[in-house]
Each structure stands twice: as structure tokens, then as C-alpha cells.
């Protein structure tokens, strides 16, 4: 496979990044879900759903003004780290994460198989504008009784970066397009 180059986002406006991002997250939602299962070690520590957040730094691979952007190839994952929600440096993102998690008891009341919400903090720096695009992506973990069937992947981070870098996704999640 041909390696993608990383584009310096200088000159890209946030509006140019948002549309490809929305399509990218649809493509890679299941890849992120699989990464979280191992990153949070949910088989052994299901409580990590309410403690941890996966912080993913993305870099655009397209140029300013580029009309056609392949959603599978729109971004590269520059880093992916598990952080504690309580230690998120951005206060607005921390409050948003805590607010999202406050809805978990109601979800569990509706469906006892719900383990919780796994949160992904997407960061896309927009250099030259002094701005950073941030998104909080909640992923429902609703198969608590089947969690033992999922194999732990100690290389979850490399796997995430490789799949995204090669443009390999599991496709958009049905009903969320």
C-alpha cells in the first residue's frame, strides 16, 4: 500500500475539515469501538468505561480547497492515548464527558446489558488559526455479557493507526449515516 503523507493543516479552515471529519467518523466508528475494548481493558476492568477516555489526535491528509476527499483517507491518526476523564486538560471537554456519562444510569435502566459509554476525544489541530477542533464521540458498550468473547489486542494502538493509514474501515454504522 502507498503511504499517505501528512498535510500541514496550515491554510485549511475548520469548515473544510468538518465535512470530511463527519464522514471519517462514520467510516471508523467500529474501528474505534474495537480499539477501545482493548485500550480500556474492558474484559478485566469494565469500570474503565466510566473512568477513561481515548484521546485521538488526527491530521488531515487533504489540501485546502480540495473538492473530492475520500473519507477513508481523509485523516491519519498521529497518536492515540488512554487518559483519565478527570485529567482532561480542556475544562469544556471534561464537563461534556462527565455530562455524557451521567446518562449511563438511565441507559442501564432501559437495557440491563448496557455496560456504559466509552468516550473518544478527537483532536484536530488547525495551525495558523490558533484553533483546535475537538469532538467527543460516545460509543455505547451494550454487550456486557458478551465482552468475554472479544480477544484482547495489546497492539490496539498500532492496529488503529495501521487501519486508518491504509484506509481500511468496517464501513459506516447502519442508521447513523
Protein backbone atom coordinates (compact mmCIF):
# COMPACT_ATOMS: atom_id res chain seq x y z
CA UNK A 1 0.00 0.00 0.00
CA UNK A 2 1.09 3.50 -0.72
CA UNK A 3 1.75 5.51 2.43
CA UNK A 4 -0.16 8.74 2.87
CA UNK A 5 1.70 11.91 3.54
CA UNK A 6 0.68 14.16 6.39
CA UNK A 7 -0.54 17.57 5.29
CA UNK A 8 0.36 20.58 7.38
CA UNK A 9 -3.13 21.87 8.14
CA UNK A 10 -1.89 25.42 7.52
CA UNK A 11 -4.43 27.03 5.23
CA UNK A 12 -7.23 24.57 5.98
CA UNK A 13 -10.26 26.22 7.52
CA UNK A 14 -12.27 24.40 10.16
CA UNK A 15 -15.27 24.25 7.81
CA UNK A 16 -13.09 22.37 5.28
CA UNK A 17 -12.18 19.87 7.98
CA UNK A 18 -15.64 19.28 9.47
CA UNK A 19 -17.33 17.65 6.47
CA UNK A 20 -14.59 15.08 5.84
CA UNK A 21 -14.40 14.50 9.61
CA UNK A 22 -18.12 13.64 9.83
CA UNK A 23 -17.74 11.10 7.04
CA UNK A 24 -14.48 9.78 8.53
CA UNK A 25 -16.08 9.12 11.93
CA UNK A 26 -18.90 7.20 10.24
CA UNK A 27 -16.33 5.02 8.49
CA UNK A 28 -14.16 4.39 11.56
CA UNK A 29 -16.69 4.19 14.39
CA UNK A 30 -16.38 0.39 14.60
CA UNK A 31 -12.59 0.52 14.36
CA UNK A 32 -12.57 2.95 17.31
CA UNK A 33 -15.01 0.70 19.18
CA UNK A 34 -12.69 -2.29 18.77
CA UNK A 35 -9.68 -0.23 19.84
CA UNK A 36 -11.49 0.90 22.99
CA UNK A 37 -12.31 -2.65 24.10
CA UNK A 38 -8.57 -3.39 24.35
CA UNK A 39 -7.32 0.10 25.22
CA UNK A 40 -9.62 0.28 28.25
CA UNK A 41 -9.07 -3.42 29.07
CA UNK A 42 -12.83 -3.74 29.45
CA UNK A 43 -12.82 -7.53 29.86
CA UNK A 44 -10.89 -7.26 33.12
CA UNK A 45 -11.96 -3.74 34.12
CA UNK A 46 -15.46 -2.86 32.87
CA UNK A 47 -15.46 0.13 35.24
CA UNK A 48 -12.90 1.79 32.94
CA UNK A 49 -15.82 2.86 30.74
CA UNK A 50 -16.68 5.47 33.33
CA UNK A 51 -13.07 6.48 34.12
CA UNK A 52 -11.15 6.58 30.86
CA UNK A 53 -11.29 8.43 27.59
CA UNK A 54 -9.47 7.60 24.37
CA UNK A 55 -7.77 10.74 23.06
CA UNK A 56 -7.06 10.54 19.32
CA UNK A 57 -5.02 13.18 17.50
CA UNK A 58 -5.86 13.38 13.80
CA UNK A 59 -4.04 15.10 10.97
CA UNK A 60 -5.78 15.94 7.67
CA UNK A 61 -4.36 14.32 4.55
CA UNK A 62 -6.07 16.69 2.11
CA UNK A 63 -5.22 20.13 0.80
CA UNK A 64 -7.10 23.41 1.24
CA UNK A 65 -9.80 23.70 -1.39
CA UNK A 66 -9.58 20.02 -2.39
CA UNK A 67 -13.03 19.10 -3.71
CA UNK A 68 -13.01 15.31 -3.50
CA UNK A 69 -11.82 13.84 -0.23
CA UNK A 70 -12.02 10.09 0.32
CA UNK A 71 -13.48 9.69 3.83
CA UNK A 72 -11.39 6.56 4.41
CA UNK A 73 -8.21 8.51 3.66
CA UNK A 74 -9.12 11.97 4.98
CA UNK A 75 -7.08 11.75 8.19
CA UNK A 76 -4.13 9.96 9.72
CA UNK A 77 -4.03 9.02 13.38
CA UNK A 78 -0.97 10.77 14.80
CA UNK A 79 -1.45 9.46 18.34
CA UNK A 80 -3.95 7.60 20.47
CA UNK A 81 -3.72 7.59 24.26
CA UNK A 82 -5.89 6.45 27.12
CA UNK A 83 -6.43 9.28 29.60
CA UNK A 84 -8.43 9.64 32.78
CA UNK A 85 -11.58 11.69 32.27
CA UNK A 86 -10.79 13.58 35.47
CA UNK A 87 -7.47 14.71 33.96
CA UNK A 88 -8.71 16.08 30.63
CA UNK A 89 -6.91 19.43 30.35
CA UNK A 90 -9.73 21.15 28.44
CA UNK A 91 -12.40 22.04 31.05
CA UNK A 92 -15.22 22.19 28.50
CA UNK A 93 -14.37 18.73 27.18
CA UNK A 94 -14.13 17.35 30.73
CA UNK A 95 -17.59 18.74 31.58
CA UNK A 96 -19.02 17.34 28.32
CA UNK A 97 -17.54 13.91 29.10
CA UNK A 98 -18.92 13.92 32.64
CA UNK A 99 -22.30 15.04 31.32
CA UNK A 100 -22.37 12.19 28.77
CA UNK A 101 -21.52 9.66 31.48
CA UNK A 102 -24.28 10.99 33.72
CA UNK A 103 -26.78 9.49 31.24
CA UNK A 104 -25.47 5.94 31.72
CA UNK A 105 -27.75 5.01 34.67
CA UNK A 106 -30.83 5.84 32.56
CA UNK A 107 -29.44 3.75 29.69
CA UNK A 108 -28.79 0.83 32.07
CA UNK A 109 -32.34 1.11 33.41
CA UNK A 110 -33.69 0.74 29.87
CA UNK A 111 -31.34 -2.11 28.96
CA UNK A 112 -29.51 -4.15 31.62
CA UNK A 113 -26.93 -5.38 29.08
CA UNK A 114 -25.52 -1.84 28.77
CA UNK A 115 -22.05 -1.62 30.26
CA UNK A 116 -21.65 2.09 29.68
CA UNK A 117 -20.40 4.70 27.28
CA UNK A 118 -16.85 4.63 26.03
CA UNK A 119 -15.73 8.13 25.10
CA UNK A 120 -13.36 9.18 22.34
CA UNK A 121 -11.88 12.68 22.38
CA UNK A 122 -10.94 13.59 18.80
CA UNK A 123 -8.46 16.45 18.40
CA UNK A 124 -7.65 18.05 15.03
CA UNK A 125 -5.18 20.95 15.27
CA UNK A 126 -5.78 23.80 12.84
CA UNK A 127 -2.42 25.57 12.76
CA UNK A 128 -2.19 29.15 11.66
CA UNK A 129 -5.63 29.84 13.10
CA UNK A 130 -4.76 29.23 16.73
CA UNK A 131 -7.68 26.84 16.87
CA UNK A 132 -8.20 23.21 17.57
CA UNK A 133 -11.21 21.19 16.52
CA UNK A 134 -12.42 18.91 19.29
CA UNK A 135 -15.16 16.31 19.22
CA UNK A 136 -16.47 13.99 21.89
CA UNK A 137 -17.65 10.71 20.41
CA UNK A 138 -19.69 8.44 22.70
CA UNK A 139 -19.64 4.76 21.81
CA UNK A 140 -22.23 2.64 23.59
CA UNK A 141 -20.86 -0.57 25.04
CA UNK A 142 -24.02 -2.63 25.23
CA UNK A 143 -22.84 -6.20 25.14
CA UNK A 144 -21.57 -6.59 28.69
CA UNK A 145 -22.47 -10.28 28.81
CA UNK A 146 -20.50 -10.98 25.60
CA UNK A 147 -17.40 -8.98 26.47
CA UNK A 148 -15.53 -12.17 27.36
CA UNK A 149 -15.82 -13.29 23.72
CA UNK A 150 -13.69 -10.40 22.44
CA UNK A 151 -9.98 -11.07 22.21
CA UNK A 152 -7.68 -8.56 23.91
CA UNK A 153 -5.35 -6.86 21.43
CA UNK A 154 -2.21 -5.50 23.13
CA UNK A 155 -1.32 -3.79 19.83
CA UNK A 156 -4.60 -1.87 19.65
CA UNK A 157 -2.82 1.45 19.06
CA UNK A 158 -0.68 0.19 16.16
CA UNK A 159 -3.70 -1.59 14.75
CA UNK A 160 -5.77 1.61 14.87
CA UNK A 161 -3.04 3.64 13.20
CA UNK A 162 -2.42 0.98 10.54
CA UNK A 163 -6.09 0.50 9.65
CA UNK A 164 -6.69 4.25 9.34
CA UNK A 165 -3.40 4.80 7.49
CA UNK A 166 -4.31 2.13 4.94
CA UNK A 167 -7.89 3.32 4.59
CA UNK A 168 -9.36 0.08 5.97
CA UNK A 169 -12.63 0.52 7.81
CA UNK A 170 -15.65 -1.60 8.63
CA UNK A 171 -17.88 0.90 6.85
CA UNK A 172 -20.48 3.30 8.20
CA UNK A 173 -22.65 2.09 11.05
CA UNK A 174 -26.14 1.46 9.69
CA UNK A 175 -28.71 4.01 10.77
CA UNK A 176 -26.10 6.68 11.54
CA UNK A 177 -25.41 7.91 8.05
